[in-house]
Amino acid sequence: IKIQIKKKIYTYNLILKKRDQILVSNARFH
């Protein structure tokens, strides 16, 4: 069960990182 929670946190962090990168790149273009 703990492994699943760690996986969820890990994937959630990856999604946040990707979203931040998209926001930063969009800000650069505008």
N, C-alpha and C. Protein backbone atom coordinates (compact mmCIF):
# COMPACT_ATOMS: atom_id res chain seq x y z
N ILE A 1 0.85 -1.20 0.00
CA ILE A 1 0.00 0.00 0.00
C ILE A 1 0.89 1.25 0.00
N LYS A 2 1.94 1.24 0.82
CA LYS A 2 2.83 2.42 0.88
C LYS A 2 3.50 2.66 -0.47
N ILE A 3 3.84 1.57 -1.16
CA ILE A 3 4.49 1.72 -2.47
C ILE A 3 3.54 2.43 -3.44
N GLN A 4 2.27 2.08 -3.39
CA GLN A 4 1.30 2.71 -4.30
C GLN A 4 1.22 4.21 -4.01
N ILE A 5 1.23 4.58 -2.73
CA ILE A 5 1.16 6.00 -2.37
C ILE A 5 2.39 6.72 -2.91
N LYS A 6 3.55 6.11 -2.74
CA LYS A 6 4.78 6.73 -3.25
C LYS A 6 4.70 6.90 -4.76
N LYS A 7 4.17 5.90 -5.44
CA LYS A 7 4.04 5.98 -6.90
C LYS A 7 3.12 7.14 -7.27
N LYS A 8 2.00 7.26 -6.56
CA LYS A 8 1.05 8.34 -6.87
C LYS A 8 1.71 9.70 -6.66
N ILE A 9 2.43 9.85 -5.56
CA ILE A 9 3.11 11.12 -5.28
C ILE A 9 4.14 11.40 -6.37
N TYR A 10 4.87 10.36 -6.78
CA TYR A 10 5.91 10.52 -7.80
C TYR A 10 5.29 10.97 -9.13
N THR A 11 4.23 10.29 -9.55
CA THR A 11 3.61 10.65 -10.83
C THR A 11 2.98 12.04 -10.72
N TYR A 12 2.40 12.36 -9.55
CA TYR A 12 1.79 13.68 -9.36
C TYR A 12 2.86 14.76 -9.50
N ASN A 13 4.03 14.53 -8.91
CA ASN A 13 5.13 15.49 -9.01
C ASN A 13 5.57 15.63 -10.46
N LEU A 14 5.61 14.52 -11.19
CA LEU A 14 6.01 14.59 -12.61
C LEU A 14 5.01 15.43 -13.39
N ILE A 15 3.73 15.23 -13.13
CA ILE A 15 2.69 16.00 -13.83
C ILE A 15 2.85 17.48 -13.52
N LEU A 16 3.10 17.79 -12.25
CA LEU A 16 3.27 19.20 -11.87
C LEU A 16 4.49 19.79 -12.58
N LYS A 17 5.57 19.04 -12.64
CA LYS A 17 6.78 19.53 -13.31
C LYS A 17 6.48 19.81 -14.78
N LYS A 18 5.81 18.88 -15.44
CA LYS A 18 5.49 19.07 -16.86
C LYS A 18 4.60 20.30 -17.04
N ARG A 19 3.61 20.44 -16.16
CA ARG A 19 2.70 21.58 -16.26
C ARG A 19 3.47 22.89 -16.07
N ASP A 20 4.38 22.90 -15.10
CA ASP A 20 5.18 24.10 -14.86
C ASP A 20 6.02 24.42 -16.10
N GLN A 21 6.61 23.41 -16.72
CA GLN A 21 7.42 23.64 -17.91
C GLN A 21 6.56 24.23 -19.03
N ILE A 22 5.33 23.72 -19.18
CA ILE A 22 4.44 24.23 -20.22
C ILE A 22 4.08 25.69 -19.94
N LEU A 23 3.79 25.98 -18.66
CA LEU A 23 3.44 27.36 -18.30
C LEU A 23 4.62 28.29 -18.57
N VAL A 24 5.82 27.85 -18.22
CA VAL A 24 7.01 28.69 -18.43
C VAL A 24 7.23 28.92 -19.93
N SER A 25 7.13 27.88 -20.73
CA SER A 25 7.36 28.02 -22.17
C SER A 25 6.27 28.91 -22.78
N ASN A 26 5.03 28.78 -22.31
CA ASN A 26 3.96 29.63 -22.82
C ASN A 26 4.23 31.08 -22.46
N ALA A 27 4.69 31.32 -21.24
CA ALA A 27 4.98 32.69 -20.79
C ALA A 27 6.08 33.30 -21.66
N ARG A 28 7.04 32.49 -22.05
CA ARG A 28 8.15 32.99 -22.88
C ARG A 28 7.62 33.44 -24.25
N PHE A 29 6.70 32.68 -24.82
CA PHE A 29 6.20 33.01 -26.15
C PHE A 29 5.33 34.27 -26.12
N HIS A 30 4.63 34.49 -25.01
CA HIS A 30 3.71 35.64 -24.93
C HIS A 30 4.35 36.88 -24.38
